[in-house]
Amino acid sequence: MRTADADMPTVTIELTEEELEEIDDIAFANHRDNRDAAIRDLLDEWLKDRDD
């Protein structure tokens, strides 16, 4: 964990098999197979949609 993240709360989510497949597809297509980056993109998209 990076020092800047030390004070941030931890969040745990449960994903379906279909959601994991979508994450893997995004990771492969957009992030050189980096699942963490794909999850951050989807979270950012969800937060933006929620604010609208």
PDB file of N, CA and C in Angstrom:
ATOM      1  N   MET A   1       0.845  -1.172   0.000  1.00  0.00           N
ATOM      2  CA  MET A   1       0.000   0.000   0.000  1.00  0.00           C
ATOM      3  C   MET A   1       0.893   1.239   0.000  1.00  0.00           C
ATOM      4  N   ARG A   2       0.512   2.200  -0.832  1.00  0.00           N
ATOM      5  CA  ARG A   2       1.256   3.449  -0.884  1.00  0.00           C
ATOM      6  C   ARG A   2       0.938   4.285   0.350  1.00  0.00           C
ATOM      7  N   THR A   3       1.863   5.126   0.745  1.00  0.00           N
ATOM      8  CA  THR A   3       1.685   5.966   1.926  1.00  0.00           C
ATOM      9  C   THR A   3       0.465   6.875   1.782  1.00  0.00           C
ATOM     10  N   ALA A   4       0.231   7.398   0.592  1.00  0.00           N
ATOM     11  CA  ALA A   4      -0.906   8.300   0.376  1.00  0.00           C
ATOM     12  C   ALA A   4      -2.236   7.581   0.584  1.00  0.00           C
ATOM     13  N   ASP A   5      -2.255   6.272   0.401  1.00  0.00           N
ATOM     14  CA  ASP A   5      -3.486   5.496   0.557  1.00  0.00           C
ATOM     15  C   ASP A   5      -3.709   5.009   1.983  1.00  0.00           C
ATOM     16  N   ALA A   6      -2.760   5.212   2.854  1.00  0.00           N
ATOM     17  CA  ALA A   6      -2.821   4.639   4.202  1.00  0.00           C
ATOM     18  C   ALA A   6      -4.040   5.103   4.990  1.00  0.00           C
ATOM     19  N   ASP A   7      -4.500   6.332   4.773  1.00  0.00           N
ATOM     20  CA  ASP A   7      -5.620   6.866   5.542  1.00  0.00           C
ATOM     21  C   ASP A   7      -6.974   6.630   4.874  1.00  0.00           C
ATOM     22  N   MET A   8      -6.982   5.990   3.716  1.00  0.00           N
ATOM     23  CA  MET A   8      -8.235   5.762   3.003  1.00  0.00           C
ATOM     24  C   MET A   8      -8.907   4.485   3.495  1.00  0.00           C
ATOM     25  N   PRO A   9     -10.232   4.495   3.523  1.00  0.00           N
ATOM     26  CA  PRO A   9     -10.937   3.280   3.956  1.00  0.00           C
ATOM     27  C   PRO A   9     -10.812   2.184   2.901  1.00  0.00           C
ATOM     28  N   THR A  10     -10.942   0.958   3.323  1.00  0.00           N
ATOM     29  CA  THR A  10     -10.919  -0.183   2.430  1.00  0.00           C
ATOM     30  C   THR A  10     -12.347  -0.581   2.093  1.00  0.00           C
ATOM     31  N   VAL A  11     -12.580  -0.913   0.850  1.00  0.00           N
ATOM     32  CA  VAL A  11     -13.901  -1.321   0.394  1.00  0.00           C
ATOM     33  C   VAL A  11     -13.780  -2.702  -0.227  1.00  0.00           C
ATOM     34  N   THR A  12     -14.705  -3.592   0.113  1.00  0.00           N
ATOM     35  CA  THR A  12     -14.734  -4.927  -0.459  1.00  0.00           C
ATOM     36  C   THR A  12     -16.030  -5.076  -1.245  1.00  0.00           C
ATOM     37  N   ILE A  13     -15.914  -5.580  -2.473  1.00  0.00           N
ATOM     38  CA  ILE A  13     -17.106  -5.795  -3.292  1.00  0.00           C
ATOM     39  C   ILE A  13     -17.109  -7.243  -3.781  1.00  0.00           C
ATOM     40  N   GLU A  14     -18.295  -7.738  -4.074  1.00  0.00           N
ATOM     41  CA  GLU A  14     -18.440  -9.062  -4.654  1.00  0.00           C
ATOM     42  C   GLU A  14     -18.884  -8.883  -6.098  1.00  0.00           C
ATOM     43  N   LEU A  15     -18.219  -9.591  -7.007  1.00  0.00           N
ATOM     44  CA  LEU A  15     -18.534  -9.494  -8.423  1.00  0.00           C
ATOM     45  C   LEU A  15     -19.008 -10.848  -8.941  1.00  0.00           C
ATOM     46  N   THR A  16     -19.927 -10.787  -9.889  1.00  0.00           N
ATOM     47  CA  THR A  16     -20.391 -12.011 -10.535  1.00  0.00           C
ATOM     48  C   THR A  16     -19.354 -12.464 -11.554  1.00  0.00           C
ATOM     49  N   GLU A  17     -19.501 -13.686 -12.030  1.00  0.00           N
ATOM     50  CA  GLU A  17     -18.595 -14.207 -13.057  1.00  0.00           C
ATOM     51  C   GLU A  17     -18.653 -13.343 -14.315  1.00  0.00           C
ATOM     52  N   GLU A  18     -19.845 -12.881 -14.671  1.00  0.00           N
ATOM     53  CA  GLU A  18     -20.012 -12.033 -15.853  1.00  0.00           C
ATOM     54  C   GLU A  18     -19.288 -10.698 -15.673  1.00  0.00           C
ATOM     55  N   GLU A  19     -19.384 -10.131 -14.480  1.00  0.00           N
ATOM     56  CA  GLU A  19     -18.694  -8.863 -14.209  1.00  0.00           C
ATOM     57  C   GLU A  19     -17.182  -9.041 -14.267  1.00  0.00           C
ATOM     58  N   LEU A  20     -16.693 -10.153 -13.758  1.00  0.00           N
ATOM     59  CA  LEU A  20     -15.259 -10.426 -13.832  1.00  0.00           C
ATOM     60  C   LEU A  20     -14.798 -10.590 -15.276  1.00  0.00           C
ATOM     61  N   GLU A  21     -15.612 -11.231 -16.087  1.00  0.00           N
ATOM     62  CA  GLU A  21     -15.278 -11.379 -17.504  1.00  0.00           C
ATOM     63  C   GLU A  21     -15.222 -10.024 -18.194  1.00  0.00           C
ATOM     64  N   GLU A  22     -16.168  -9.144 -17.859  1.00  0.00           N
ATOM     65  CA  GLU A  22     -16.163  -7.798 -18.441  1.00  0.00           C
ATOM     66  C   GLU A  22     -14.912  -7.038 -18.010  1.00  0.00           C
ATOM     67  N   ILE A  23     -14.550  -7.158 -16.758  1.00  0.00           N
ATOM     68  CA  ILE A  23     -13.339  -6.508 -16.255  1.00  0.00           C
ATOM     69  C   ILE A  23     -12.110  -7.032 -16.997  1.00  0.00           C
ATOM     70  N   ASP A  24     -12.050  -8.345 -17.177  1.00  0.00           N
ATOM     71  CA  ASP A  24     -10.915  -8.926 -17.894  1.00  0.00           C
ATOM     72  C   ASP A  24     -10.880  -8.464 -19.346  1.00  0.00           C
ATOM     73  N   ASP A  25     -12.053  -8.343 -19.986  1.00  0.00           N
ATOM     74  CA  ASP A  25     -12.099  -7.853 -21.367  1.00  0.00           C
ATOM     75  C   ASP A  25     -11.576  -6.421 -21.453  1.00  0.00           C
ATOM     76  N   ILE A  26     -12.004  -5.580 -20.524  1.00  0.00           N
ATOM     77  CA  ILE A  26     -11.543  -4.187 -20.499  1.00  0.00           C
ATOM     78  C   ILE A  26     -10.053  -4.133 -20.203  1.00  0.00           C
ATOM     79  N   ALA A  27      -9.616  -4.939 -19.257  1.00  0.00           N
ATOM     80  CA  ALA A  27      -8.197  -4.963 -18.898  1.00  0.00           C
ATOM     81  C   ALA A  27      -7.343  -5.361 -20.090  1.00  0.00           C
ATOM     82  N   PHE A  28      -7.774  -6.370 -20.823  1.00  0.00           N
ATOM     83  CA  PHE A  28      -7.008  -6.832 -21.979  1.00  0.00           C
ATOM     84  C   PHE A  28      -7.012  -5.782 -23.088  1.00  0.00           C
ATOM     85  N   ALA A  29      -8.165  -5.194 -23.351  1.00  0.00           N
ATOM     86  CA  ALA A  29      -8.302  -4.253 -24.466  1.00  0.00           C
ATOM     87  C   ALA A  29      -7.656  -2.896 -24.201  1.00  0.00           C
ATOM     88  N   ASN A  30      -7.734  -2.416 -22.962  1.00  0.00           N
ATOM     89  CA  ASN A  30      -7.345  -1.031 -22.689  1.00  0.00           C
ATOM     90  C   ASN A  30      -6.163  -0.853 -21.749  1.00  0.00           C
ATOM     91  N   HIS A  31      -5.758  -1.899 -21.034  1.00  0.00           N
ATOM     92  CA  HIS A  31      -4.789  -1.692 -19.956  1.00  0.00           C
ATOM     93  C   HIS A  31      -3.682  -2.744 -19.906  1.00  0.00           C
ATOM     94  N   ARG A  32      -3.351  -3.305 -21.060  1.00  0.00           N
ATOM     95  CA  ARG A  32      -2.280  -4.309 -21.113  1.00  0.00           C
ATOM     96  C   ARG A  32      -2.485  -5.412 -20.088  1.00  0.00           C
ATOM     97  N   ASP A  33      -3.715  -5.857 -19.977  1.00  0.00           N
ATOM     98  CA  ASP A  33      -4.099  -6.964 -19.093  1.00  0.00           C
ATOM     99  C   ASP A  33      -3.992  -6.624 -17.606  1.00  0.00           C
ATOM    100  N   ASN A  34      -4.123  -5.342 -17.272  1.00  0.00           N
ATOM    101  CA  ASN A  34      -4.053  -4.886 -15.889  1.00  0.00           C
ATOM    102  C   ASN A  34      -5.472  -4.795 -15.322  1.00  0.00           C
ATOM    103  N   ARG A  35      -5.868  -5.801 -14.551  1.00  0.00           N
ATOM    104  CA  ARG A  35      -7.224  -5.860 -13.997  1.00  0.00           C
ATOM    105  C   ARG A  35      -7.486  -4.706 -13.039  1.00  0.00           C
ATOM    106  N   ASP A  36      -6.513  -4.307 -12.236  1.00  0.00           N
ATOM    107  CA  ASP A  36      -6.708  -3.195 -11.294  1.00  0.00           C
ATOM    108  C   ASP A  36      -7.071  -1.908 -12.021  1.00  0.00           C
ATOM    109  N   ALA A  37      -6.410  -1.643 -13.133  1.00  0.00           N
ATOM    110  CA  ALA A  37      -6.715  -0.436 -13.908  1.00  0.00           C
ATOM    111  C   ALA A  37      -8.129  -0.503 -14.481  1.00  0.00           C
ATOM    112  N   ALA A  38      -8.543  -1.672 -14.929  1.00  0.00           N
ATOM    113  CA  ALA A  38      -9.906  -1.833 -15.451  1.00  0.00           C
ATOM    114  C   ALA A  38     -10.935  -1.599 -14.353  1.00  0.00           C
ATOM    115  N   ILE A  39     -10.673  -2.104 -13.175  1.00  0.00           N
ATOM    116  CA  ILE A  39     -11.586  -1.897 -12.045  1.00  0.00           C
ATOM    117  C   ILE A  39     -11.671  -0.417 -11.698  1.00  0.00           C
ATOM    118  N   ARG A  40     -10.540   0.281 -11.700  1.00  0.00           N
ATOM    119  CA  ARG A  40     -10.565   1.726 -11.428  1.00  0.00           C
ATOM    120  C   ARG A  40     -11.392   2.461 -12.474  1.00  0.00           C
ATOM    121  N   ASP A  41     -11.264   2.073 -13.754  1.00  0.00           N
ATOM    122  CA  ASP A  41     -12.068   2.698 -14.808  1.00  0.00           C
ATOM    123  C   ASP A  41     -13.551   2.487 -14.584  1.00  0.00           C
ATOM    124  N   LEU A  42     -13.936   1.244 -14.271  1.00  0.00           N
ATOM    125  CA  LEU A  42     -15.350   0.960 -14.041  1.00  0.00           C
ATOM    126  C   LEU A  42     -15.880   1.672 -12.802  1.00  0.00           C
ATOM    127  N   LEU A  43     -15.084   1.760 -11.768  1.00  0.00           N
ATOM    128  CA  LEU A  43     -15.492   2.483 -10.563  1.00  0.00           C
ATOM    129  C   LEU A  43     -15.667   3.967 -10.867  1.00  0.00           C
ATOM    130  N   ASP A  44     -14.740   4.530 -11.621  1.00  0.00           N
ATOM    131  CA  ASP A  44     -14.849   5.933 -12.001  1.00  0.00           C
ATOM    132  C   ASP A  44     -16.107   6.171 -12.823  1.00  0.00           C
ATOM    133  N   GLU A  45     -16.399   5.276 -13.761  1.00  0.00           N
ATOM    134  CA  GLU A  45     -17.605   5.381 -14.576  1.00  0.00           C
ATOM    135  C   GLU A  45     -18.856   5.296 -13.702  1.00  0.00           C
ATOM    136  N   TRP A  46     -18.867   4.362 -12.757  1.00  0.00           N
ATOM    137  CA  TRP A  46     -20.013   4.200 -11.871  1.00  0.00           C
ATOM    138  C   TRP A  46     -20.230   5.461 -11.028  1.00  0.00           C
ATOM    139  N   LEU A  47     -19.145   6.012 -10.490  1.00  0.00           N
ATOM    140  CA  LEU A  47     -19.261   7.214  -9.662  1.00  0.00           C
ATOM    141  C   LEU A  47     -19.773   8.389 -10.462  1.00  0.00           C
ATOM    142  N   LYS A  48     -19.309   8.547 -11.693  1.00  0.00           N
ATOM    143  CA  LYS A  48     -19.781   9.640 -12.539  1.00  0.00           C
ATOM    144  C   LYS A  48     -21.261   9.470 -12.880  1.00  0.00           C
ATOM    145  N   ASP A  49     -21.682   8.244 -13.195  1.00  0.00           N
ATOM    146  CA  ASP A  49     -23.089   7.980 -13.495  1.00  0.00           C
ATOM    147  C   ASP A  49     -23.975   8.232 -12.282  1.00  0.00           C
ATOM    148  N   ARG A  50     -23.469   7.891 -11.119  1.00  0.00           N
ATOM    149  CA  ARG A  50     -24.216   8.065  -9.871  1.00  0.00           C
ATOM    150  C   ARG A  50     -24.440   9.544  -9.575  1.00  0.00           C
ATOM    151  N   ASP A  51     -23.476  10.397  -9.905  1.00  0.00           N
ATOM    152  CA  ASP A  51     -23.582  11.830  -9.636  1.00  0.00           C
ATOM    153  C   ASP A  51     -24.547  12.533 -10.570  1.00  0.00           C
ATOM    154  N   ASP A  52     -24.843  11.931 -11.722  1.00  0.00           N
ATOM    155  CA  ASP A  52     -25.732  12.578 -12.704  1.00  0.00           C
ATOM    156  C   ASP A  52     -27.163  12.512 -12.341  1.00  0.00           C
TER     157      ASP A  52
END
